C-alpha atoms as a PDB file:
ATOM      1  CA  MET A   1      79.730  78.116 131.828  1.00  0.00           C
ATOM      2  CA  SER A   2      77.021  79.301 129.293  1.00  0.00           C
ATOM      3  CA  VAL A   3      76.887  82.375 127.346  1.00  0.00           C
ATOM      4  CA  MET A   4      73.955  83.546 129.580  1.00  0.00           C
ATOM      5  CA  GLU A   5      75.802  82.769 132.684  1.00  0.00           C
ATOM      6  CA  ALA A   6      78.993  84.398 131.645  1.00  0.00           C
ATOM      7  CA  THR A   7      77.418  87.689 130.618  1.00  0.00           C
ATOM      8  CA  SER A   8      74.465  88.043 133.077  1.00  0.00           C
ATOM      9  CA  ARG A   9      75.903  90.881 135.228  1.00  0.00           C
ATOM     10  CA  SER A  10      74.328  93.826 133.147  1.00  0.00           C
ATOM     11  CA  ARG A  11      70.918  94.522 133.095  1.00  0.00           C
ATOM     12  CA  VAL A  12      69.493  94.787 129.437  1.00  0.00           C
ATOM     13  CA  SER A  13      66.360  96.874 128.606  1.00  0.00           C
ATOM     14  CA  VAL A  14      64.591  96.461 125.383  1.00  0.00           C
ATOM     15  CA  VAL A  15      61.755  98.731 124.191  1.00  0.00           C
ATOM     16  CA  THR A  16      59.200  97.845 121.440  1.00  0.00           C
ATOM     17  CA  PRO A  17      57.014 100.601 120.167  1.00  0.00           C
ATOM     18  CA  SER A  18      53.735  99.055 118.637  1.00  0.00           C
ATOM     19  CA  TYR A  19      50.702 100.205 116.543  1.00  0.00           C
ATOM     20  CA  ASN A  20      48.601  97.822 114.655  1.00  0.00           C
ATOM     21  CA  GLN A  21      51.294  95.271 113.806  1.00  0.00           C
ATOM     22  CA  GLY A  22      49.416  92.159 114.913  1.00  0.00           C
ATOM     23  CA  ARG A  23      50.318  90.520 111.732  1.00  0.00           C
ATOM     24  CA  PHE A  24      54.016  90.526 113.027  1.00  0.00           C
ATOM     25  CA  ILE A  25      54.367  91.410 116.713  1.00  0.00           C
ATOM     26  CA  GLU A  26      54.037  87.899 118.220  1.00  0.00           C
ATOM     27  CA  ARG A  27      57.281  86.941 116.306  1.00  0.00           C
ATOM     28  CA  THR A  28      58.867  90.117 117.611  1.00  0.00           C
ATOM     29  CA  ILE A  29      57.841  89.504 121.176  1.00  0.00           C
ATOM     30  CA  LEU A  30      58.945  85.764 121.288  1.00  0.00           C
ATOM     31  CA  SER A  31      62.224  86.769 119.839  1.00  0.00           C
ATOM     32  CA  VAL A  32      62.826  89.055 122.956  1.00  0.00           C
ATOM     33  CA  ILE A  33      61.243  87.001 125.845  1.00  0.00           C
ATOM     34  CA  CYS A  34      63.178  83.824 124.457  1.00  0.00           C
ATOM     35  CA  GLN A  35      66.527  85.265 124.842  1.00  0.00           C
ATOM     36  CA  ASP A  36      68.859  83.002 126.887  1.00  0.00           C
ATOM     37  CA  TYR A  37      69.878  85.962 129.037  1.00  0.00           C
ATOM     38  CA  LEU A  38      69.018  86.312 132.535  1.00  0.00           C
ATOM     39  CA  ASP A  39      68.697  90.126 133.504  1.00  0.00           C
ATOM     40  CA  LEU A  40      66.564  91.149 130.656  1.00  0.00           C
ATOM     41  CA  GLU A  41      63.826  93.806 130.937  1.00  0.00           C
ATOM     42  CA  TYR A  42      61.132  94.173 128.232  1.00  0.00           C
ATOM     43  CA  ILE A  43      59.039  97.129 127.653  1.00  0.00           C
ATOM     44  CA  LEU A  44      56.449  97.254 125.337  1.00  0.00           C
ATOM     45  CA  VAL A  45      54.400 100.659 124.397  1.00  0.00           C
ATOM     46  CA  ASP A  46      51.200 100.252 122.459  1.00  0.00           C
ATOM     47  CA  ALA A  47      49.168 103.119 121.070  1.00  0.00           C
ATOM     48  CA  VAL A  48      45.765 101.218 121.662  1.00  0.00           C
ATOM     49  CA  SER A  49      46.152  99.087 118.612  1.00  0.00           C
ATOM     50  CA  SER A  50      42.649  98.136 117.134  1.00  0.00           C
ATOM     51  CA  ASP A  51      43.787  94.850 115.248  1.00  0.00           C
ATOM     52  CA  GLN A  52      44.735  91.683 116.770  1.00  0.00           C
ATOM     53  CA  THR A  53      47.616  93.204 118.816  1.00  0.00           C
ATOM     54  CA  LYS A  54      45.416  93.359 121.903  1.00  0.00           C
ATOM     55  CA  ASP A  55      44.789  89.639 122.011  1.00  0.00           C
ATOM     56  CA  ILE A  56      48.598  89.091 121.651  1.00  0.00           C
ATOM     57  CA  LEU A  57      49.859  91.268 124.226  1.00  0.00           C
ATOM     58  CA  GLU A  58      47.230  89.609 126.693  1.00  0.00           C
ATOM     59  CA  LYS A  59      48.661  86.346 125.594  1.00  0.00           C
ATOM     60  CA  TYR A  60      52.286  87.114 126.792  1.00  0.00           C
ATOM     61  CA  ARG A  61      51.485  89.680 129.420  1.00  0.00           C
ATOM     62  CA  SER A  62      53.215  87.701 132.132  1.00  0.00           C
ATOM     63  CA  HIS A  63      56.361  87.868 130.026  1.00  0.00           C
ATOM     64  CA  ILE A  64      56.524  91.753 129.435  1.00  0.00           C
ATOM     65  CA  ASP A  65      57.834  93.689 132.377  1.00  0.00           C
ATOM     66  CA  VAL A  66      56.454  96.900 131.684  1.00  0.00           C
ATOM     67  CA  LEU A  67      53.251  97.365 129.475  1.00  0.00           C
ATOM     68  CA  ILE A  68      52.082 100.730 128.325  1.00  0.00           C
ATOM     69  CA  ILE A  69      48.812 100.755 126.580  1.00  0.00           C
ATOM     70  CA  GLU A  70      47.715 104.465 125.896  1.00  0.00           C
ATOM     71  CA  PRO A  71      47.556 107.016 122.764  1.00  0.00           C
ATOM     72  CA  ASP A  72      50.671 108.409 121.728  1.00  0.00           C
ATOM     73  CA  ARG A  73      51.936 110.960 119.111  1.00  0.00           C
ATOM     74  CA  GLY A  74      53.834 108.452 117.039  1.00  0.00           C
ATOM     75  CA  GLN A  75      56.896 106.097 117.059  1.00  0.00           C
ATOM     76  CA  THR A  76      59.314 108.247 118.798  1.00  0.00           C
ATOM     77  CA  ASP A  77      56.945 109.405 121.548  1.00  0.00           C
ATOM     78  CA  ALA A  78      56.445 105.665 122.142  1.00  0.00           C
ATOM     79  CA  LEU A  79      60.252 104.993 122.296  1.00  0.00           C
ATOM     80  CA  ASN A  80      60.663 107.987 124.882  1.00  0.00           C
ATOM     81  CA  LYS A  81      58.079 106.478 127.050  1.00  0.00           C
ATOM     82  CA  GLY A  82      59.703 103.284 126.974  1.00  0.00           C
ATOM     83  CA  PHE A  83      63.144 104.520 127.499  1.00  0.00           C
ATOM     84  CA  ASN A  84      62.026 106.568 130.372  1.00  0.00           C
ATOM     85  CA  ARG A  85      61.057 103.337 132.166  1.00  0.00           C
ATOM     86  CA  CYS A  86      64.319 101.440 131.430  1.00  0.00           C
ATOM     87  CA  THR A  87      66.287 100.576 134.278  1.00  0.00           C
ATOM     88  CA  GLY A  88      68.983  98.588 132.346  1.00  0.00           C
ATOM     89  CA  GLU A  89      72.735  99.390 131.943  1.00  0.00           C
ATOM     90  CA  ILE A  90      72.462  98.402 128.218  1.00  0.00           C
ATOM     91  CA  MET A  91      69.506  99.527 126.133  1.00  0.00           C
ATOM     92  CA  ALA A  92      68.070  98.797 122.605  1.00  0.00           C
ATOM     93  CA  TYR A  93      64.761  98.929 120.874  1.00  0.00           C
ATOM     94  CA  LEU A  94      63.156  96.540 118.362  1.00  0.00           C
ATOM     95  CA  ASN A  95      60.442  97.479 116.257  1.00  0.00           C
ATOM     96  CA  SER A  96      57.033  95.413 116.105  1.00  0.00           C
ATOM     97  CA  ASP A  97      57.604  93.936 112.954  1.00  0.00           C
ATOM     98  CA  ASP A  98      61.383  93.108 113.286  1.00  0.00           C
ATOM     99  CA  CYS A  99      63.004  90.311 115.232  1.00  0.00           C
ATOM    100  CA  TYR A 100      66.375  89.185 117.016  1.00  0.00           C
ATOM    101  CA  ALA A 101      68.198  86.750 114.865  1.00  0.00           C
ATOM    102  CA  ASP A 102      68.309  84.072 117.473  1.00  0.00           C
ATOM    103  CA  LYS A 103      68.053  83.261 121.332  1.00  0.00           C
ATOM    104  CA  ASP A 104      71.736  84.241 121.938  1.00  0.00           C
ATOM    105  CA  THR A 105      71.614  87.802 120.254  1.00  0.00           C
ATOM    106  CA  ILE A 106      71.410  89.788 123.667  1.00  0.00           C
ATOM    107  CA  ALA A 107      73.948  87.783 125.562  1.00  0.00           C
ATOM    108  CA  THR A 108      76.546  87.897 122.590  1.00  0.00           C
ATOM    109  CA  ALA A 109      76.069  91.707 122.482  1.00  0.00           C
ATOM    110  CA  VAL A 110      76.658  91.895 126.371  1.00  0.00           C
ATOM    111  CA  ARG A 111      79.804  89.850 125.825  1.00  0.00           C
ATOM    112  CA  TYR A 112      81.238  92.443 123.406  1.00  0.00           C
ATOM    113  CA  PHE A 113      80.608  95.212 125.911  1.00  0.00           C
ATOM    114  CA  ASP A 114      82.241  93.095 128.784  1.00  0.00           C
ATOM    115  CA  GLU A 115      85.073  92.618 126.589  1.00  0.00           C
ATOM    116  CA  ASN A 116      85.365  96.159 125.349  1.00  0.00           C
ATOM    117  CA  PRO A 117      84.736  98.507 128.406  1.00  0.00           C
ATOM    118  CA  ASP A 118      85.526 101.530 126.340  1.00  0.00           C
ATOM    119  CA  ILE A 119      82.888 100.986 123.680  1.00  0.00           C
ATOM    120  CA  ASP A 120      79.560 102.780 124.026  1.00  0.00           C
ATOM    121  CA  VAL A 121      77.454 101.158 120.894  1.00  0.00           C
ATOM    122  CA  VAL A 122      77.729  97.698 119.705  1.00  0.00           C
ATOM    123  CA  TYR A 123      75.837  96.518 116.487  1.00  0.00           C
ATOM    124  CA  GLY A 124      75.782  93.420 114.565  1.00  0.00           C
ATOM    125  CA  ARG A 125      74.543  92.418 111.064  1.00  0.00           C
ATOM    126  CA  ARG A 126      70.939  91.878 109.687  1.00  0.00           C
ATOM    127  CA  ASN A 127      69.360  89.467 107.461  1.00  0.00           C
ATOM    128  CA  SER A 128      66.289  90.807 105.606  1.00  0.00           C
ATOM    129  CA  ILE A 129      62.980  88.735 105.582  1.00  0.00           C
ATOM    130  CA  ASN A 130      59.811  89.276 103.741  1.00  0.00           C
ATOM    131  CA  ALA A 131      56.272  89.422 105.221  1.00  0.00           C
ATOM    132  CA  ASN A 132      56.233  85.681 105.562  1.00  0.00           C
ATOM    133  CA  GLY A 133      59.373  85.505 107.413  1.00  0.00           C
ATOM    134  CA  ARG A 134      61.330  84.254 104.421  1.00  0.00           C
ATOM    135  CA  PHE A 135      65.077  85.205 103.669  1.00  0.00           C
ATOM    136  CA  THR A 136      65.103  88.024 101.043  1.00  0.00           C
ATOM    137  CA  TYR A 137      68.857  89.447 101.188  1.00  0.00           C
ATOM    138  CA  CYS A 138      71.789  90.156 103.380  1.00  0.00           C
ATOM    139  CA  PRO A 139      73.820  93.357 103.220  1.00  0.00           C
ATOM    140  CA  PRO A 140      77.633  92.647 103.305  1.00  0.00           C
ATOM    141  CA  TYR A 141      79.416  93.139 106.543  1.00  0.00           C
ATOM    142  CA  GLN A 142      80.892  96.730 106.911  1.00  0.00           C
ATOM    143  CA  PRO A 143      83.331  97.558 109.782  1.00  0.00           C
ATOM    144  CA  PHE A 144      82.512 100.885 111.583  1.00  0.00           C
ATOM    145  CA  CYS A 145      83.542 104.100 109.703  1.00  0.00           C
ATOM    146  CA  GLU A 146      82.594 107.361 111.177  1.00  0.00           C
ATOM    147  CA  LYS A 147      82.968 109.074 107.849  1.00  0.00           C
ATOM    148  CA  ASN A 148      80.534 106.805 106.173  1.00  0.00           C
ATOM    149  CA  LEU A 149      77.948 107.136 108.950  1.00  0.00           C
ATOM    150  CA  TYR A 150      77.933 110.995 108.466  1.00  0.00           C
ATOM    151  CA  LEU A 151      76.982 110.297 104.955  1.00  0.00           C
ATOM    152  CA  SER A 152      74.561 107.561 105.423  1.00  0.00           C
ATOM    153  CA  ASP A 153      72.732 105.299 108.096  1.00  0.00           C
ATOM    154  CA  TYR A 154      74.251 102.006 107.206  1.00  0.00           C
ATOM    155  CA  ILE A 155      73.789 100.676 110.791  1.00  0.00           C
ATOM    156  CA  ALA A 156      71.024  98.347 111.220  1.00  0.00           C
ATOM    157  CA  GLN A 157      68.597  99.758 113.702  1.00  0.00           C
ATOM    158  CA  GLU A 158      67.405  96.324 115.253  1.00  0.00           C
ATOM    159  CA  CYS A 159      71.086  95.074 115.520  1.00  0.00           C
ATOM    160  CA  VAL A 160      72.173  97.965 117.819  1.00  0.00           C
ATOM    161  CA  PHE A 161      72.680  97.997 121.646  1.00  0.00           C
ATOM    162  CA  TRP A 162      74.016 101.021 123.582  1.00  0.00           C
ATOM    163  CA  ARG A 163      75.320 101.750 127.024  1.00  0.00           C
ATOM    164  CA  ARG A 164      72.745 103.927 129.355  1.00  0.00           C
ATOM    165  CA  GLY A 165      75.930 106.228 129.970  1.00  0.00           C
ATOM    166  CA  ILE A 166      75.981 107.335 126.226  1.00  0.00           C
ATOM    167  CA  PHE A 167      72.542 107.653 126.075  1.00  0.00           C
ATOM    168  CA  GLU A 168      72.238 109.953 128.938  1.00  0.00           C
ATOM    169  CA  LYS A 169      75.205 112.037 127.917  1.00  0.00           C
ATOM    170  CA  SER A 170      73.540 112.627 124.507  1.00  0.00           C
ATOM    171  CA  GLY A 171      70.272 114.021 126.176  1.00  0.00           C
ATOM    172  CA  ALA A 172      68.375 110.765 127.037  1.00  0.00           C
ATOM    173  CA  TYR A 173      65.668 111.112 124.260  1.00  0.00           C
ATOM    174  CA  VAL A 174      64.808 110.059 120.750  1.00  0.00           C
ATOM    175  CA  ASP A 175      64.050 113.330 118.501  1.00  0.00           C
ATOM    176  CA  GLU A 176      60.167 113.531 118.190  1.00  0.00           C
ATOM    177  CA  SER A 177      60.715 115.792 115.193  1.00  0.00           C
ATOM    178  CA  PHE A 178      61.708 112.829 113.160  1.00  0.00           C
ATOM    179  CA  HIS A 179      59.486 110.284 111.783  1.00  0.00           C
ATOM    180  CA  PHE A 180      61.801 108.197 109.481  1.00  0.00           C
ATOM    181  CA  ALA A 181      65.376 108.721 110.563  1.00  0.00           C
ATOM    182  CA  MET A 182      64.925 109.006 114.434  1.00  0.00           C
ATOM    183  CA  ASP A 183      67.446 106.162 114.747  1.00  0.00           C
ATOM    184  CA  TYR A 184      70.169 107.809 112.408  1.00  0.00           C
ATOM    185  CA  GLU A 185      69.849 111.232 114.248  1.00  0.00           C
ATOM    186  CA  LEU A 186      70.314 109.289 117.527  1.00  0.00           C
ATOM    187  CA  TRP A 187      73.690 107.590 116.065  1.00  0.00           C
ATOM    188  CA  LEU A 188      74.793 110.953 114.882  1.00  0.00           C
ATOM    189  CA  ARG A 189      74.103 112.595 118.380  1.00  0.00           C
ATOM    190  CA  PHE A 190      75.964 109.630 120.042  1.00  0.00           C
ATOM    191  CA  LEU A 191      79.029 110.384 117.837  1.00  0.00           C
ATOM    192  CA  LYS A 192      78.802 114.302 118.535  1.00  0.00           C
ATOM    193  CA  HIS A 193      78.990 113.274 122.217  1.00  0.00           C
ATOM    194  CA  GLY A 194      82.108 111.035 121.946  1.00  0.00           C
ATOM    195  CA  ALA A 195      80.689 107.768 121.524  1.00  0.00           C
ATOM    196  CA  LYS A 196      82.917 104.677 120.594  1.00  0.00           C
ATOM    197  CA  PHE A 197      81.167 102.086 118.043  1.00  0.00           C
ATOM    198  CA  LEU A 198      81.889  98.584 117.485  1.00  0.00           C
ATOM    199  CA  SER A 199      80.794  96.729 114.377  1.00  0.00           C
ATOM    200  CA  VAL A 200      80.583  92.777 114.887  1.00  0.00           C
ATOM    201  CA  ASP A 201      80.423  90.382 112.138  1.00  0.00           C
ATOM    202  CA  GLU A 202      77.610  88.414 113.645  1.00  0.00           C
ATOM    203  CA  PHE A 203      73.844  88.367 112.958  1.00  0.00           C
ATOM    204  CA  PHE A 204      71.981  90.153 115.556  1.00  0.00           C
ATOM    205  CA  GLY A 205      68.726  91.058 113.799  1.00  0.00           C
ATOM    206  CA  LEU A 206      65.925  90.258 111.088  1.00  0.00           C
ATOM    207  CA  PHE A 207      64.718  93.220 109.244  1.00  0.00           C
ATOM    208  CA  ARG A 208      61.194  92.698 107.880  1.00  0.00           C
ATOM    209  CA  SER A 209      60.713  94.166 104.283  1.00  0.00           C
ATOM    210  CA  TYR A 210      57.444  94.352 102.789  1.00  0.00           C
ATOM    211  CA  GLN A 211      55.227  96.546 100.526  1.00  0.00           C
ATOM    212  CA  GLU A 212      53.252  98.426 103.203  1.00  0.00           C
ATOM    213  CA  GLN A 213      56.308  99.035 105.465  1.00  0.00           C
ATOM    214  CA  LYS A 214      56.779 102.770 106.384  1.00  0.00           C
ATOM    215  CA  SER A 215      60.439 102.768 105.388  1.00  0.00           C
ATOM    216  CA  ILE A 216      59.267 101.932 101.771  1.00  0.00           C
ATOM    217  CA  ASP A 217      56.245 104.135 101.568  1.00  0.00           C
ATOM    218  CA  LEU A 218      57.629 107.225 103.234  1.00  0.00           C
ATOM    219  CA  TRP A 219      61.340 106.953 101.671  1.00  0.00           C
ATOM    220  CA  GLU A 220      61.124 109.719  99.157  1.00  0.00           C
ATOM    221  CA  THR A 221      58.440 111.955 100.794  1.00  0.00           C
ATOM    222  CA  VAL A 222      59.857 111.835 104.435  1.00  0.00           C
ATOM    223  CA  GLY A 223      63.102 109.948 104.463  1.00  0.00           C
ATOM    224  CA  LEU A 224      65.272 111.803 102.174  1.00  0.00           C
ATOM    225  CA  PRO A 225      64.205 115.274 103.664  1.00  0.00           C
ATOM    226  CA  GLU A 226      65.014 114.336 107.191  1.00  0.00           C
ATOM    227  CA  ILE A 227      68.244 112.782 106.020  1.00  0.00           C
ATOM    228  CA  ALA A 228      69.177 115.938 104.280  1.00  0.00           C
ATOM    229  CA  ARG A 229      68.245 117.898 107.607  1.00  0.00           C
ATOM    230  CA  LEU A 230      70.761 115.696 109.420  1.00  0.00           C
ATOM    231  CA  HIS A 231      73.432 116.263 106.678  1.00  0.00           C
ATOM    232  CA  GLU A 232      72.920 120.047 107.229  1.00  0.00           C
ATOM    233  CA  ALA A 233      73.060 119.556 110.817  1.00  0.00           C
ATOM    234  CA  TYR A 234      75.889 117.308 111.399  1.00  0.00           C
ATOM    235  CA  LEU A 235      77.977 117.908 108.195  1.00  0.00           C
ATOM    236  CA  GLY A 236      77.211 121.750 107.880  1.00  0.00           C
ATOM    237  CA  ARG A 237      76.166 121.102 104.323  1.00  0.00           C
ATOM    238  CA  LEU A 238      73.708 119.346 101.964  1.00  0.00           C
ATOM    239  CA  LEU A 239      74.794 116.873  99.735  1.00  0.00           C
ATOM    240  CA  PRO A 240      73.646 117.404  96.063  1.00  0.00           C
ATOM    241  CA  GLU A 241      70.243 115.574  95.750  1.00  0.00           C
ATOM    242  CA  LYS A 242      71.515 113.180  93.098  1.00  0.00           C
ATOM    243  CA  GLU A 243      74.624 112.225  95.060  1.00  0.00           C
ATOM    244  CA  MET A 244      72.579 111.445  98.206  1.00  0.00           C
ATOM    245  CA  VAL A 245      70.137 109.287  96.105  1.00  0.00           C
ATOM    246  CA  ASP A 246      72.761 107.454  94.547  1.00  0.00           C
ATOM    247  CA  TYR A 247      74.629 106.803  97.895  1.00  0.00           C
ATOM    248  CA  TYR A 248      71.522 105.507  99.506  1.00  0.00           C
ATOM    249  CA  GLN A 249      70.389 103.500  96.418  1.00  0.00           C
ATOM    250  CA  GLU A 250      73.700 101.736  96.615  1.00  0.00           C
ATOM    251  CA  TYR A 251      73.571 101.166 100.460  1.00  0.00           C
ATOM    252  CA  PHE A 252      69.833 100.091 100.691  1.00  0.00           C
ATOM    253  CA  PHE A 253      68.472  99.166  97.573  1.00  0.00           C
ATOM    254  CA  GLY A 254      71.350  97.493  95.700  1.00  0.00           C
ATOM    255  CA  ALA A 255      69.997  94.257  96.277  1.00  0.00           C
ATOM    256  CA  HIS A 256      66.616  95.021  97.625  1.00  0.00           C
ATOM    257  CA  PRO A 257      63.916  92.372  96.451  1.00  0.00           C
ATOM    258  CA  ILE A 258      61.412  95.268  95.826  1.00  0.00           C
ATOM    259  CA  HIS A 259      63.610  97.947  94.480  1.00  0.00           C
ATOM    260  CA  ASN A 260      65.997  95.802  92.350  1.00  0.00           C
ATOM    261  CA  PRO A 261      64.698  92.208  92.092  1.00  0.00           C
ATOM    262  CA  GLU A 262      67.420  91.301  89.564  1.00  0.00           C
ATOM    263  CA  ALA A 263      70.140  92.269  91.968  1.00  0.00           C
ATOM    264  CA  SER A 264      68.265  90.480  94.878  1.00  0.00           C
ATOM    265  CA  ARG A 265      68.223  87.348  93.123  1.00  0.00           C
ATOM    266  CA  PHE A 266      72.042  87.533  92.719  1.00  0.00           C
ATOM    267  CA  SER A 267      72.241  88.388  96.485  1.00  0.00           C
ATOM    268  CA  GLN A 268      70.230  85.229  97.296  1.00  0.00           C
ATOM    269  CA  ASN A 269      72.475  83.081  95.274  1.00  0.00           C
ATOM    270  CA  ILE A 270      75.455  84.351  97.016  1.00  0.00           C
ATOM    271  CA  TRP A 271      74.072  83.870 100.544  1.00  0.00           C
ATOM    272  CA  GLY A 272      71.997  80.959  99.764  1.00  0.00           C
ATOM    273  CA  SER A 273      74.713  78.402 100.997  1.00  0.00           C
ATOM    274  CA  PHE A 274      74.804  80.248 104.192  1.00  0.00           C
ATOM    275  CA  ILE A 275      71.064  80.163 104.880  1.00  0.00           C
ATOM    276  CA  MET A 276      70.472  76.749 103.773  1.00  0.00           C
ATOM    277  CA  TYR A 277      72.619  74.866 105.953  1.00  0.00           C
ATOM    278  CA  LYS A 278      70.316  75.760 108.756  1.00  0.00           C
ATOM    279  CA  LYS A 279      68.307  72.635 109.474  1.00  0.00           C
ATOM    280  CA  GLU A 280      65.116  74.754 110.357  1.00  0.00           C
ATOM    281  CA  VAL A 281      65.470  76.304 106.828  1.00  0.00           C
ATOM    282  CA  LEU A 282      65.883  72.940 105.226  1.00  0.00           C
ATOM    283  CA  ASN A 283      62.600  71.885 106.935  1.00  0.00           C
ATOM    284  CA  LYS A 284      61.120  75.040 105.114  1.00  0.00           C
ATOM    285  CA  GLN A 285      60.512  76.976 108.217  1.00  0.00           C
ATOM    286  CA  PRO A 286      60.415  80.798 108.013  1.00  0.00           C
ATOM    287  CA  MET A 287      63.708  82.349 109.093  1.00  0.00           C
ATOM    288  CA  ASP A 288      61.856  84.437 111.994  1.00  0.00           C
ATOM    289  CA  THR A 289      61.302  81.113 113.476  1.00  0.00           C
ATOM    290  CA  TRP A 290      64.242  79.119 113.208  1.00  0.00           C
ATOM    291  CA  GLY A 291      66.402  80.547 115.901  1.00  0.00           C
ATOM    292  CA  PHE A 292      63.490  79.936 118.422  1.00  0.00           C
ATOM    293  CA  ALA A 293      61.737  76.458 117.707  1.00  0.00           C
ATOM    294  CA  GLU A 294      62.681  74.923 120.842  1.00  0.00           C
ATOM    295  CA  TYR A 295      61.553  78.110 122.870  1.00  0.00           C
ATOM    296  CA  ASP A 296      58.138  78.138 120.831  1.00  0.00           C
ATOM    297  CA  ARG A 297      57.373  74.649 121.818  1.00  0.00           C
ATOM    298  CA  LYS A 298      58.213  75.444 125.573  1.00  0.00           C
ATOM    299  CA  PHE A 299      55.967  78.550 125.405  1.00  0.00           C
ATOM    300  CA  LYS A 300      52.971  76.596 123.857  1.00  0.00           C
ATOM    301  CA  VAL A 301      53.374  74.180 126.605  1.00  0.00           C
ATOM    302  CA  ALA A 302      53.406  76.891 129.277  1.00  0.00           C
ATOM    303  CA  LEU A 303      50.458  78.849 127.935  1.00  0.00           C
ATOM    304  CA  THR A 304      48.036  75.830 128.084  1.00  0.00           C
ATOM    305  CA  GLN A 305      48.837  75.279 131.788  1.00  0.00           C
ATOM    306  CA  VAL A 306      48.142  79.001 132.781  1.00  0.00           C
END
């Protein structure tokens, strides 16, 4: 019995918010619609992009279950529109510049839910890639620690799946007052409502890191103030500014190719052996394609027959 057949009992709903990410969104879409999982619902919410996104959405329209194209108030508004249309027992969202790690990611996540009926949130590990889809760095595995989550958002958003029940218990919304740390706010709200988290030592996602990225551009001006708000709301106190900055530098930028290139090169040496044994990488294919090469070929054939 395949992984897909063994774990196809629960419907999974994935939402992608989109705006002018034509450079990357095709890889995002393919990483979802090529999943080896039967009961998958894909919802894509686009804020009337003005770049090549429109053509890409048209290309894959028949593979997207719900496509919403209309102006919105930002990423969190788009997410709420998408989540309001979800019918799955398990939910997730994937930003339009990130990807799932391979075709079995969703089936694997569902298997962990099936094996752990008391768990509300399952998340895996990420590899970071650059604008060209090439491996840049890999944060070390960390088991779930509630105390650490209150201090920093060390959970990789593109690697998270949760049950509809905890989402509804927590209000069934993403807080639109957050423009940077909306995922962190959601995890803390899950905790507040009694969620049980499971961290698994498997790669679920590819996080794309590039110079124009929102999480880099807005880190100091928007990110830190929003995180301070969350500390005050959920910890009841503000961490000293230097302590907060140092903590996040350690968790996020310790081996970041843009913020700390020397440490990044060291990290690449450590993880190079893991990455390079993949045949597709040896063939010099970008990491955001090697989990889906067979499916890419099938889609190219199918699209020529439409």
